[in-house]
Structures are given as C-alpha cells and as structure tokens.
Amino acid sequence: MDLHYRHAVPEDTLAIVGLVESAYRGDISRTGWTTEADFLEGQRIDSAGVLDNMSKAGSQILLAEQDGLLMACCHLEKFGDACYFGMFSVRPDQQGNGIGKRLMLEAEVYAREAWGCQRMEMTVIDIRLELIDFYQRRGYRRTGIFKPFPYGDERYGIPQRDDLRFEILEKNLSTEQQ
C-alpha cells in the first residue's frame, strides 16, 4: 500500500473530525478494534479542537493518505525534549493493514529529526489493554503514571463507567533504539 504523508491544513478539518469519530465512537467504530463506544459516548474531537491543534506552535497533525483518501492521522506536540502523540486514528475498515504502524514510525522519525525529541509520550485509557499491548509491541513502555479522566468535560466524551483514567506510555526515540 503506497501511503503519502503530509501535515494537515485547515481545509482538512472536517475530514479529520470524521476520521477520528469513525475510529472511536458510534457503531461504525465497532468495525475496527480501536472503538471506545462501549465505555464512552458523545464526541471524541470537534472542529475547534482540530484547528487548535493545527494552530499551536510546536504542534502538527500528520496525515496518511492513499490516492488522495485520508487513511489515518495523528497529532504531535513538542514539549521540551518530548513529543506528545495523540488523536491517533485509522479508518476502521483499514485497521490491521499496517497503516497505523507506518504512521507511528513516520511520526517518530518526524519528532526525532525535525524537532530533536528524545522520547515520544502518549496517554491511553488504562482499561484498553489490547491497545496498550499494540503500543508495547512498538517499543512503548508503561510508566505507571496515571492521569484522571476529565469527567464532566463532554469535549472528551460522555463516560459510561466511573473507573476511567489515563496511563502515560513512552518510547525512547534515540537513534540507537530505532
């Protein structure tokens, strides 16, 4: 599969929102394995959030396209010598085809080479063991550092259970580790 990578521009906003929502929320997300529909309802991201991520200094949304069709995206944001990796989404009907692995690698290379980042960090809802396993197979490690889920802030969804929290995962991006 021939993928083309580029940085998002404001005109991509609606396509990004649609991709992210399809990967995590509602019945369409159940066709993939990244769904959060069983424990979160409501939105995952909105246009304002996407545009905010695009407009901040040291922040990019990286897109993976095939024949002009958006296949996957992720948000990268530089914090000192670390890069935050988030909003990682692959079209549900394309999950399991290696697109996500390839986009992650592209994001890691960008963070290391363009921004000089030493490590990549992400937060994952800690009940998502299959997702944590996926990241661990890609060199990420669990830190044991937890952050509370933002209950009451519907910008992140409407929780269907009261035990949600995030765990920070990280990966060393030094060249000898690649």
N, C-alpha and C. Protein backbone atom coordinates (compact mmCIF):
# COMPACT_ATOMS: atom_id res chain seq x y z
N MET A 1 0.84 -1.17 0.00
CA MET A 1 0.00 0.00 0.00
C MET A 1 0.89 1.24 0.00
N ASP A 2 0.71 2.10 -0.97
CA ASP A 2 1.50 3.32 -1.11
C ASP A 2 0.84 4.44 -0.33
N LEU A 3 1.48 4.87 0.75
CA LEU A 3 0.96 5.96 1.57
C LEU A 3 1.76 7.23 1.33
N HIS A 4 1.06 8.33 1.35
CA HIS A 4 1.68 9.65 1.25
C HIS A 4 1.42 10.36 2.57
N TYR A 5 2.44 11.00 3.13
CA TYR A 5 2.30 11.70 4.41
C TYR A 5 2.40 13.20 4.18
N ARG A 6 1.57 13.94 4.91
CA ARG A 6 1.65 15.40 4.86
C ARG A 6 1.07 15.99 6.15
N HIS A 7 1.38 17.27 6.36
CA HIS A 7 0.84 17.98 7.51
C HIS A 7 -0.54 18.54 7.13
N ALA A 8 -1.46 18.47 8.07
CA ALA A 8 -2.82 18.94 7.84
C ALA A 8 -2.85 20.45 7.71
N VAL A 9 -3.83 20.91 6.96
CA VAL A 9 -4.13 22.34 6.81
C VAL A 9 -5.59 22.53 7.23
N PRO A 10 -6.00 23.76 7.50
CA PRO A 10 -7.37 23.98 7.98
C PRO A 10 -8.45 23.35 7.10
N GLU A 11 -8.24 23.27 5.80
CA GLU A 11 -9.24 22.68 4.91
C GLU A 11 -9.44 21.19 5.17
N ASP A 12 -8.54 20.55 5.91
CA ASP A 12 -8.66 19.13 6.24
C ASP A 12 -9.50 18.88 7.48
N THR A 13 -9.92 19.93 8.16
CA THR A 13 -10.55 19.79 9.48
C THR A 13 -11.74 18.83 9.49
N LEU A 14 -12.69 19.01 8.61
CA LEU A 14 -13.88 18.15 8.63
C LEU A 14 -13.53 16.69 8.36
N ALA A 15 -12.60 16.44 7.46
CA ALA A 15 -12.20 15.06 7.18
C ALA A 15 -11.51 14.43 8.39
N ILE A 16 -10.71 15.22 9.11
CA ILE A 16 -10.04 14.72 10.31
C ILE A 16 -11.06 14.39 11.39
N VAL A 17 -12.00 15.30 11.63
CA VAL A 17 -13.04 15.04 12.63
C VAL A 17 -13.80 13.76 12.27
N GLY A 18 -14.18 13.62 11.01
CA GLY A 18 -14.90 12.42 10.58
C GLY A 18 -14.10 11.15 10.79
N LEU A 19 -12.81 11.19 10.47
CA LEU A 19 -11.95 10.02 10.66
C LEU A 19 -11.84 9.65 12.13
N VAL A 20 -11.54 10.63 12.97
CA VAL A 20 -11.36 10.37 14.40
C VAL A 20 -12.65 9.83 15.01
N GLU A 21 -13.76 10.46 14.70
CA GLU A 21 -15.04 9.99 15.24
C GLU A 21 -15.34 8.56 14.78
N SER A 22 -15.06 8.25 13.52
CA SER A 22 -15.35 6.91 13.00
C SER A 22 -14.46 5.85 13.63
N ALA A 23 -13.28 6.22 14.05
CA ALA A 23 -12.36 5.25 14.64
C ALA A 23 -12.68 4.95 16.10
N TYR A 24 -13.37 5.86 16.79
CA TYR A 24 -13.57 5.69 18.23
C TYR A 24 -15.01 5.67 18.71
N ARG A 25 -15.93 6.29 17.99
CA ARG A 25 -17.28 6.46 18.50
C ARG A 25 -18.33 5.89 17.56
N GLY A 26 -19.44 5.49 18.14
CA GLY A 26 -20.59 5.05 17.35
C GLY A 26 -20.41 3.67 16.75
N ASP A 27 -21.46 3.22 16.07
CA ASP A 27 -21.47 1.86 15.51
C ASP A 27 -20.39 1.64 14.47
N ILE A 28 -20.08 2.64 13.66
CA ILE A 28 -19.06 2.44 12.63
C ILE A 28 -17.71 2.09 13.25
N SER A 29 -17.43 2.62 14.43
CA SER A 29 -16.16 2.33 15.09
C SER A 29 -16.03 0.86 15.47
N ARG A 30 -17.16 0.18 15.62
CA ARG A 30 -17.14 -1.23 16.02
C ARG A 30 -16.61 -2.14 14.91
N THR A 31 -16.50 -1.62 13.66
CA THR A 31 -15.93 -2.44 12.60
C THR A 31 -14.41 -2.54 12.73
N GLY A 32 -13.81 -1.64 13.49
CA GLY A 32 -12.38 -1.70 13.78
C GLY A 32 -12.18 -2.20 15.20
N TRP A 33 -10.93 -2.19 15.65
CA TRP A 33 -10.66 -2.69 17.01
C TRP A 33 -10.31 -1.57 17.98
N THR A 34 -10.33 -0.31 17.54
CA THR A 34 -9.96 0.79 18.42
C THR A 34 -11.16 1.47 19.07
N THR A 35 -12.34 0.94 18.89
CA THR A 35 -13.55 1.60 19.39
C THR A 35 -13.52 1.85 20.89
N GLU A 36 -14.08 2.97 21.28
CA GLU A 36 -14.32 3.30 22.68
C GLU A 36 -15.82 3.34 22.95
N ALA A 37 -16.61 2.91 21.97
CA ALA A 37 -18.07 3.05 22.03
C ALA A 37 -18.70 2.30 23.21
N ASP A 38 -18.02 1.31 23.75
CA ASP A 38 -18.59 0.55 24.86
C ASP A 38 -18.49 1.28 26.20
N PHE A 39 -17.60 2.28 26.29
CA PHE A 39 -17.45 2.97 27.56
C PHE A 39 -17.45 4.50 27.45
N LEU A 40 -17.52 5.02 26.23
CA LEU A 40 -17.61 6.47 26.03
C LEU A 40 -18.59 6.77 24.91
N GLU A 41 -19.49 7.69 25.15
CA GLU A 41 -20.40 8.17 24.11
C GLU A 41 -20.06 9.63 23.83
N GLY A 42 -20.77 10.23 22.89
CA GLY A 42 -20.52 11.62 22.56
C GLY A 42 -19.32 11.77 21.65
N GLN A 43 -18.80 12.98 21.56
CA GLN A 43 -17.73 13.27 20.61
C GLN A 43 -16.37 12.86 21.14
N ARG A 44 -15.45 12.63 20.24
CA ARG A 44 -14.04 12.39 20.56
C ARG A 44 -13.23 13.66 20.31
N ILE A 45 -13.61 14.39 19.25
CA ILE A 45 -12.94 15.65 18.89
C ILE A 45 -13.93 16.48 18.10
N ASP A 46 -13.72 17.79 18.09
CA ASP A 46 -14.56 18.65 17.26
C ASP A 46 -13.66 19.53 16.40
N SER A 47 -14.27 20.29 15.51
CA SER A 47 -13.51 21.13 14.58
C SER A 47 -12.63 22.14 15.32
N ALA A 48 -13.16 22.73 16.38
CA ALA A 48 -12.38 23.71 17.14
C ALA A 48 -11.12 23.06 17.73
N GLY A 49 -11.25 21.85 18.24
CA GLY A 49 -10.09 21.14 18.80
C GLY A 49 -9.05 20.82 17.74
N VAL A 50 -9.51 20.40 16.56
CA VAL A 50 -8.59 20.10 15.46
C VAL A 50 -7.86 21.37 15.04
N LEU A 51 -8.61 22.46 14.85
CA LEU A 51 -7.98 23.71 14.43
C LEU A 51 -7.01 24.23 15.49
N ASP A 52 -7.35 24.06 16.76
CA ASP A 52 -6.45 24.47 17.83
C ASP A 52 -5.15 23.68 17.76
N ASN A 53 -5.25 22.36 17.54
CA ASN A 53 -4.05 21.54 17.43
C ASN A 53 -3.19 21.96 16.24
N MET A 54 -3.81 22.39 15.16
CA MET A 54 -3.06 22.82 13.97
C MET A 54 -2.38 24.16 14.17
N SER A 55 -2.99 25.03 14.97
CA SER A 55 -2.51 26.42 15.04
C SER A 55 -1.45 26.67 16.10
N LYS A 56 -1.28 25.78 17.05
CA LYS A 56 -0.31 25.99 18.12
C LYS A 56 1.11 25.82 17.60
N ALA A 57 2.01 26.63 18.13
CA ALA A 57 3.43 26.46 17.81
C ALA A 57 3.89 25.10 18.35
N GLY A 58 4.74 24.42 17.60
CA GLY A 58 5.24 23.12 18.04
C GLY A 58 4.18 22.04 18.02
N SER A 59 3.20 22.18 17.15
CA SER A 59 2.09 21.22 17.07
C SER A 59 1.77 20.97 15.60
N GLN A 60 1.57 19.71 15.26
CA GLN A 60 1.24 19.32 13.89
C GLN A 60 0.22 18.19 13.92
N ILE A 61 -0.60 18.13 12.90
CA ILE A 61 -1.41 16.95 12.66
C ILE A 61 -0.85 16.32 11.41
N LEU A 62 -0.41 15.08 11.53
CA LEU A 62 0.19 14.35 10.43
C LEU A 62 -0.88 13.45 9.81
N LEU A 63 -1.00 13.51 8.49
CA LEU A 63 -1.98 12.71 7.76
C LEU A 63 -1.29 11.65 6.92
N ALA A 64 -1.95 10.49 6.80
CA ALA A 64 -1.52 9.43 5.88
C ALA A 64 -2.64 9.27 4.87
N GLU A 65 -2.31 9.41 3.58
CA GLU A 65 -3.30 9.32 2.52
C GLU A 65 -2.88 8.26 1.50
N GLN A 66 -3.89 7.70 0.87
CA GLN A 66 -3.66 6.79 -0.24
C GLN A 66 -4.56 7.25 -1.37
N ASP A 67 -3.97 7.55 -2.51
CA ASP A 67 -4.73 8.04 -3.67
C ASP A 67 -5.65 9.20 -3.30
N GLY A 68 -5.16 10.11 -2.45
CA GLY A 68 -5.92 11.28 -2.05
C GLY A 68 -6.97 11.05 -0.98
N LEU A 69 -7.11 9.81 -0.51
CA LEU A 69 -8.10 9.47 0.51
C LEU A 69 -7.43 9.41 1.88
N LEU A 70 -8.00 10.11 2.86
CA LEU A 70 -7.45 10.11 4.22
C LEU A 70 -7.62 8.73 4.84
N MET A 71 -6.49 8.13 5.22
CA MET A 71 -6.50 6.79 5.80
C MET A 71 -6.23 6.81 7.31
N ALA A 72 -5.41 7.78 7.76
CA ALA A 72 -5.02 7.82 9.17
C ALA A 72 -4.50 9.20 9.52
N CYS A 73 -4.49 9.50 10.81
CA CYS A 73 -3.95 10.77 11.28
C CYS A 73 -3.42 10.61 12.70
N CYS A 74 -2.61 11.57 13.10
CA CYS A 74 -2.17 11.67 14.49
C CYS A 74 -1.79 13.11 14.77
N HIS A 75 -1.84 13.46 16.03
CA HIS A 75 -1.45 14.80 16.48
C HIS A 75 -0.12 14.68 17.20
N LEU A 76 0.80 15.58 16.87
CA LEU A 76 2.11 15.64 17.51
C LEU A 76 2.28 17.02 18.13
N GLU A 77 2.81 17.04 19.36
CA GLU A 77 3.06 18.33 20.01
C GLU A 77 4.34 18.23 20.81
N LYS A 78 5.24 19.17 20.55
CA LYS A 78 6.55 19.18 21.21
C LYS A 78 6.46 19.83 22.57
N PHE A 79 7.04 19.14 23.56
CA PHE A 79 7.16 19.66 24.93
C PHE A 79 8.59 19.41 25.39
N GLY A 80 9.44 20.42 25.26
CA GLY A 80 10.84 20.23 25.64
C GLY A 80 11.48 19.18 24.76
N ASP A 81 12.07 18.15 25.39
CA ASP A 81 12.72 17.09 24.60
C ASP A 81 11.77 15.93 24.32
N ALA A 82 10.49 16.11 24.62
CA ALA A 82 9.50 15.06 24.38
C ALA A 82 8.48 15.53 23.35
N CYS A 83 7.84 14.55 22.72
CA CYS A 83 6.77 14.82 21.78
C CYS A 83 5.55 14.03 22.23
N TYR A 84 4.43 14.71 22.33
CA TYR A 84 3.18 14.03 22.66
C TYR A 84 2.57 13.49 21.37
N PHE A 85 2.12 12.25 21.42
CA PHE A 85 1.49 11.57 20.29
C PHE A 85 0.05 11.29 20.67
N GLY A 86 -0.90 11.85 19.93
CA GLY A 86 -2.30 11.65 20.28
C GLY A 86 -3.20 11.70 19.06
N MET A 87 -4.48 11.59 19.28
CA MET A 87 -5.51 11.64 18.24
C MET A 87 -5.20 10.64 17.11
N PHE A 88 -4.57 9.55 17.47
CA PHE A 88 -4.15 8.53 16.52
C PHE A 88 -5.38 7.77 16.03
N SER A 89 -5.64 7.85 14.74
CA SER A 89 -6.85 7.26 14.17
C SER A 89 -6.55 6.65 12.81
N VAL A 90 -7.10 5.46 12.60
CA VAL A 90 -7.03 4.78 11.31
C VAL A 90 -8.45 4.41 10.92
N ARG A 91 -8.77 4.59 9.64
CA ARG A 91 -10.11 4.23 9.17
C ARG A 91 -10.46 2.82 9.68
N PRO A 92 -11.64 2.65 10.27
CA PRO A 92 -12.00 1.34 10.82
C PRO A 92 -11.89 0.19 9.80
N ASP A 93 -12.24 0.44 8.55
CA ASP A 93 -12.19 -0.63 7.55
C ASP A 93 -10.76 -0.91 7.06
N GLN A 94 -9.80 -0.15 7.54
CA GLN A 94 -8.40 -0.34 7.16
C GLN A 94 -7.51 -0.75 8.35
N GLN A 95 -8.10 -0.86 9.53
CA GLN A 95 -7.32 -1.26 10.70
C GLN A 95 -6.83 -2.69 10.53
N GLY A 96 -5.60 -2.91 10.95
CA GLY A 96 -4.99 -4.23 10.82
C GLY A 96 -4.21 -4.41 9.53
N ASN A 97 -4.14 -3.37 8.70
CA ASN A 97 -3.42 -3.46 7.42
C ASN A 97 -2.03 -2.82 7.48
N GLY A 98 -1.57 -2.43 8.66
CA GLY A 98 -0.24 -1.86 8.80
C GLY A 98 -0.16 -0.35 8.64
N ILE A 99 -1.26 0.29 8.35
CA ILE A 99 -1.26 1.75 8.15
C ILE A 99 -0.88 2.46 9.45
N GLY A 100 -1.45 2.03 10.56
CA GLY A 100 -1.14 2.66 11.84
C GLY A 100 0.32 2.51 12.21
N LYS A 101 0.88 1.34 12.02
CA LYS A 101 2.30 1.12 12.33
C LYS A 101 3.17 2.05 11.51
N ARG A 102 2.84 2.20 10.25
CA ARG A 102 3.64 3.05 9.36
C ARG A 102 3.51 4.52 9.73
N LEU A 103 2.30 4.95 10.09
CA LEU A 103 2.13 6.35 10.51
C LEU A 103 2.86 6.62 11.82
N MET A 104 2.82 5.67 12.75
CA MET A 104 3.55 5.85 14.02
C MET A 104 5.03 6.02 13.75
N LEU A 105 5.59 5.20 12.89
CA LEU A 105 7.01 5.30 12.57
C LEU A 105 7.32 6.65 11.93
N GLU A 106 6.48 7.08 11.01
CA GLU A 106 6.66 8.40 10.37
C GLU A 106 6.62 9.50 11.43
N ALA A 107 5.70 9.42 12.38
CA ALA A 107 5.58 10.42 13.44
C ALA A 107 6.82 10.42 14.33
N GLU A 108 7.33 9.24 14.65
CA GLU A 108 8.53 9.14 15.49
C GLU A 108 9.75 9.73 14.79
N VAL A 109 9.89 9.44 13.51
CA VAL A 109 11.01 10.00 12.74
C VAL A 109 10.90 11.52 12.70
N TYR A 110 9.71 12.03 12.44
CA TYR A 110 9.50 13.48 12.41
C TYR A 110 9.85 14.11 13.76
N ALA A 111 9.35 13.55 14.84
CA ALA A 111 9.62 14.10 16.17
C ALA A 111 11.12 14.12 16.46
N ARG A 112 11.81 13.07 16.10
CA ARG A 112 13.24 12.98 16.36
C ARG A 112 14.05 13.90 15.42
N GLU A 113 13.75 13.85 14.12
CA GLU A 113 14.59 14.57 13.16
C GLU A 113 14.22 16.04 13.00
N ALA A 114 12.94 16.37 12.99
CA ALA A 114 12.53 17.77 12.80
C ALA A 114 12.58 18.56 14.10
N TRP A 115 12.22 17.91 15.21
CA TRP A 115 12.13 18.63 16.47
C TRP A 115 13.22 18.25 17.47
N GLY A 116 14.02 17.24 17.18
CA GLY A 116 15.08 16.82 18.10
C GLY A 116 14.58 16.17 19.37
N CYS A 117 13.39 15.61 19.34
CA CYS A 117 12.82 14.98 20.53
C CYS A 117 13.55 13.70 20.88
N GLN A 118 13.73 13.48 22.17
CA GLN A 118 14.39 12.29 22.68
C GLN A 118 13.41 11.15 22.97
N ARG A 119 12.13 11.52 23.20
CA ARG A 119 11.15 10.49 23.52
C ARG A 119 9.76 10.92 23.06
N MET A 120 8.93 9.91 22.87
CA MET A 120 7.53 10.12 22.50
C MET A 120 6.70 9.69 23.70
N GLU A 121 5.66 10.48 24.00
CA GLU A 121 4.74 10.16 25.09
C GLU A 121 3.32 10.13 24.57
N MET A 122 2.49 9.33 25.20
CA MET A 122 1.08 9.30 24.88
C MET A 122 0.31 8.94 26.14
N THR A 123 -0.99 9.20 26.11
CA THR A 123 -1.86 8.74 27.19
C THR A 123 -2.87 7.77 26.59
N VAL A 124 -3.11 6.69 27.31
CA VAL A 124 -4.05 5.65 26.87
C VAL A 124 -4.97 5.33 28.05
N ILE A 125 -6.25 5.20 27.77
CA ILE A 125 -7.18 4.79 28.83
C ILE A 125 -6.73 3.40 29.28
N ASP A 126 -6.45 3.25 30.57
CA ASP A 126 -5.75 2.05 31.04
C ASP A 126 -6.56 0.76 30.99
N ILE A 127 -7.86 0.83 30.73
CA ILE A 127 -8.63 -0.41 30.56
C ILE A 127 -8.48 -0.95 29.13
N ARG A 128 -7.84 -0.20 28.25
CA ARG A 128 -7.64 -0.59 26.85
C ARG A 128 -6.41 -1.47 26.71
N LEU A 129 -6.44 -2.64 27.31
CA LEU A 129 -5.25 -3.50 27.35
C LEU A 129 -4.78 -3.92 25.97
N GLU A 130 -5.71 -4.18 25.04
CA GLU A 130 -5.29 -4.59 23.69
C GLU A 130 -4.58 -3.44 22.97
N LEU A 131 -4.96 -2.21 23.26
CA LEU A 131 -4.30 -1.05 22.68
C LEU A 131 -2.93 -0.84 23.33
N ILE A 132 -2.86 -0.99 24.63
CA ILE A 132 -1.57 -0.88 25.32
C ILE A 132 -0.62 -1.95 24.80
N ASP A 133 -1.11 -3.18 24.59
CA ASP A 133 -0.28 -4.25 24.03
C ASP A 133 0.25 -3.86 22.64
N PHE A 134 -0.61 -3.27 21.80
CA PHE A 134 -0.21 -2.81 20.48
C PHE A 134 0.96 -1.84 20.59
N TYR A 135 0.84 -0.86 21.49
CA TYR A 135 1.91 0.13 21.66
C TYR A 135 3.18 -0.52 22.23
N GLN A 136 3.03 -1.45 23.15
CA GLN A 136 4.21 -2.11 23.72
C GLN A 136 4.96 -2.89 22.64
N ARG A 137 4.25 -3.49 21.71
CA ARG A 137 4.93 -4.19 20.60
C ARG A 137 5.70 -3.23 19.71
N ARG A 138 5.38 -1.96 19.78
CA ARG A 138 6.07 -0.94 19.01
C ARG A 138 7.12 -0.20 19.82
N GLY A 139 7.47 -0.72 20.98
CA GLY A 139 8.56 -0.16 21.78
C GLY A 139 8.15 0.81 22.88
N TYR A 140 6.86 1.03 23.06
CA TYR A 140 6.40 1.91 24.14
C TYR A 140 6.36 1.13 25.44
N ARG A 141 6.58 1.82 26.53
CA ARG A 141 6.53 1.15 27.83
C ARG A 141 5.55 1.87 28.74
N ARG A 142 4.94 1.09 29.59
CA ARG A 142 4.04 1.65 30.59
C ARG A 142 4.88 2.33 31.66
N THR A 143 4.46 3.51 32.07
CA THR A 143 5.23 4.26 33.08
C THR A 143 4.68 4.07 34.48
N GLY A 144 3.42 3.63 34.60
CA GLY A 144 2.80 3.57 35.91
C GLY A 144 2.34 4.93 36.40
N ILE A 145 2.44 5.94 35.54
CA ILE A 145 1.98 7.29 35.87
C ILE A 145 0.58 7.46 35.28
N PHE A 146 -0.36 7.82 36.13
CA PHE A 146 -1.76 7.92 35.72
C PHE A 146 -2.24 9.36 35.81
N LYS A 147 -3.18 9.69 34.94
CA LYS A 147 -3.85 10.99 34.94
C LYS A 147 -5.34 10.72 35.02
N PRO A 148 -6.08 11.56 35.71
CA PRO A 148 -7.52 11.35 35.80
C PRO A 148 -8.21 11.60 34.46
N PHE A 149 -9.29 10.88 34.22
CA PHE A 149 -10.11 11.14 33.05
C PHE A 149 -10.89 12.43 33.33
N PRO A 150 -11.07 13.29 32.32
CA PRO A 150 -11.76 14.57 32.56
C PRO A 150 -13.28 14.42 32.62
N TYR A 151 -13.75 13.74 33.68
CA TYR A 151 -15.19 13.59 33.88
C TYR A 151 -15.84 14.97 33.92
N GLY A 152 -16.99 15.09 33.29
CA GLY A 152 -17.72 16.35 33.29
C GLY A 152 -17.36 17.27 32.14
N ASP A 153 -16.31 16.95 31.39
CA ASP A 153 -15.93 17.75 30.23
C ASP A 153 -16.31 16.97 28.97
N GLU A 154 -17.48 17.27 28.43
CA GLU A 154 -18.03 16.50 27.31
C GLU A 154 -17.23 16.63 26.04
N ARG A 155 -16.22 17.51 26.00
CA ARG A 155 -15.34 17.57 24.83
C ARG A 155 -14.59 16.26 24.66
N TYR A 156 -14.46 15.47 25.72
CA TYR A 156 -13.74 14.21 25.67
C TYR A 156 -14.66 13.00 25.65
N GLY A 157 -15.95 13.23 25.57
CA GLY A 157 -16.91 12.14 25.55
C GLY A 157 -17.70 12.08 26.85
N ILE A 158 -18.71 11.23 26.82
CA ILE A 158 -19.58 11.03 27.97
C ILE A 158 -19.31 9.63 28.51
N PRO A 159 -18.61 9.54 29.63
CA PRO A 159 -18.25 8.23 30.18
C PRO A 159 -19.47 7.39 30.57
N GLN A 160 -19.37 6.10 30.31
CA GLN A 160 -20.42 5.15 30.66
C GLN A 160 -20.02 4.30 31.86
N ARG A 161 -18.88 4.63 32.46
CA ARG A 161 -18.41 3.95 33.66
C ARG A 161 -17.56 4.92 34.46
N ASP A 162 -17.32 4.60 35.73
CA ASP A 162 -16.67 5.58 36.61
C ASP A 162 -15.23 5.23 36.97
N ASP A 163 -14.62 4.30 36.23
CA ASP A 163 -13.26 3.88 36.57
C ASP A 163 -12.23 4.22 35.48
N LEU A 164 -12.52 5.22 34.66
CA LEU A 164 -11.62 5.57 33.56
C LEU A 164 -10.49 6.46 34.05
N ARG A 165 -9.31 6.19 33.56
CA ARG A 165 -8.15 7.04 33.81
C ARG A 165 -7.15 6.78 32.69
N PHE A 166 -6.21 7.68 32.53
CA PHE A 166 -5.19 7.56 31.51
C PHE A 166 -3.88 7.08 32.14
N GLU A 167 -3.14 6.28 31.40
CA GLU A 167 -1.76 5.96 31.78
C GLU A 167 -0.84 6.55 30.72
N ILE A 168 0.28 7.08 31.17
CA ILE A 168 1.28 7.61 30.25
C ILE A 168 2.16 6.47 29.77
N LEU A 169 2.31 6.35 28.45
CA LEU A 169 3.24 5.42 27.83
C LEU A 169 4.33 6.26 27.17
N GLU A 170 5.54 5.72 27.11
CA GLU A 170 6.62 6.47 26.48
C GLU A 170 7.56 5.55 25.72
N LYS A 171 8.27 6.16 24.78
CA LYS A 171 9.24 5.43 23.96
C LYS A 171 10.47 6.32 23.78
N ASN A 172 11.63 5.73 23.95
CA ASN A 172 12.88 6.42 23.70
C ASN A 172 13.06 6.55 22.18
N LEU A 173 13.33 7.75 21.69
CA LEU A 173 13.48 7.97 20.25
C LEU A 173 14.93 8.10 19.80
N SER A 174 15.88 7.81 20.71
CA SER A 174 17.28 7.93 20.30
C SER A 174 17.55 6.99 19.13
N THR A 175 18.44 7.39 18.24
CA THR A 175 18.69 6.65 17.00
C THR A 175 19.18 5.23 17.25
N GLU A 176 19.92 5.00 18.33
CA GLU A 176 20.39 3.63 18.58
C GLU A 176 19.26 2.69 18.98
N GLN A 177 18.09 3.23 19.35
CA GLN A 177 16.95 2.41 19.71
C GLN A 177 16.11 2.05 18.50
N GLN A 178 16.29 2.72 17.37
CA GLN A 178 15.43 2.54 16.21
C GLN A 178 15.79 1.31 15.40
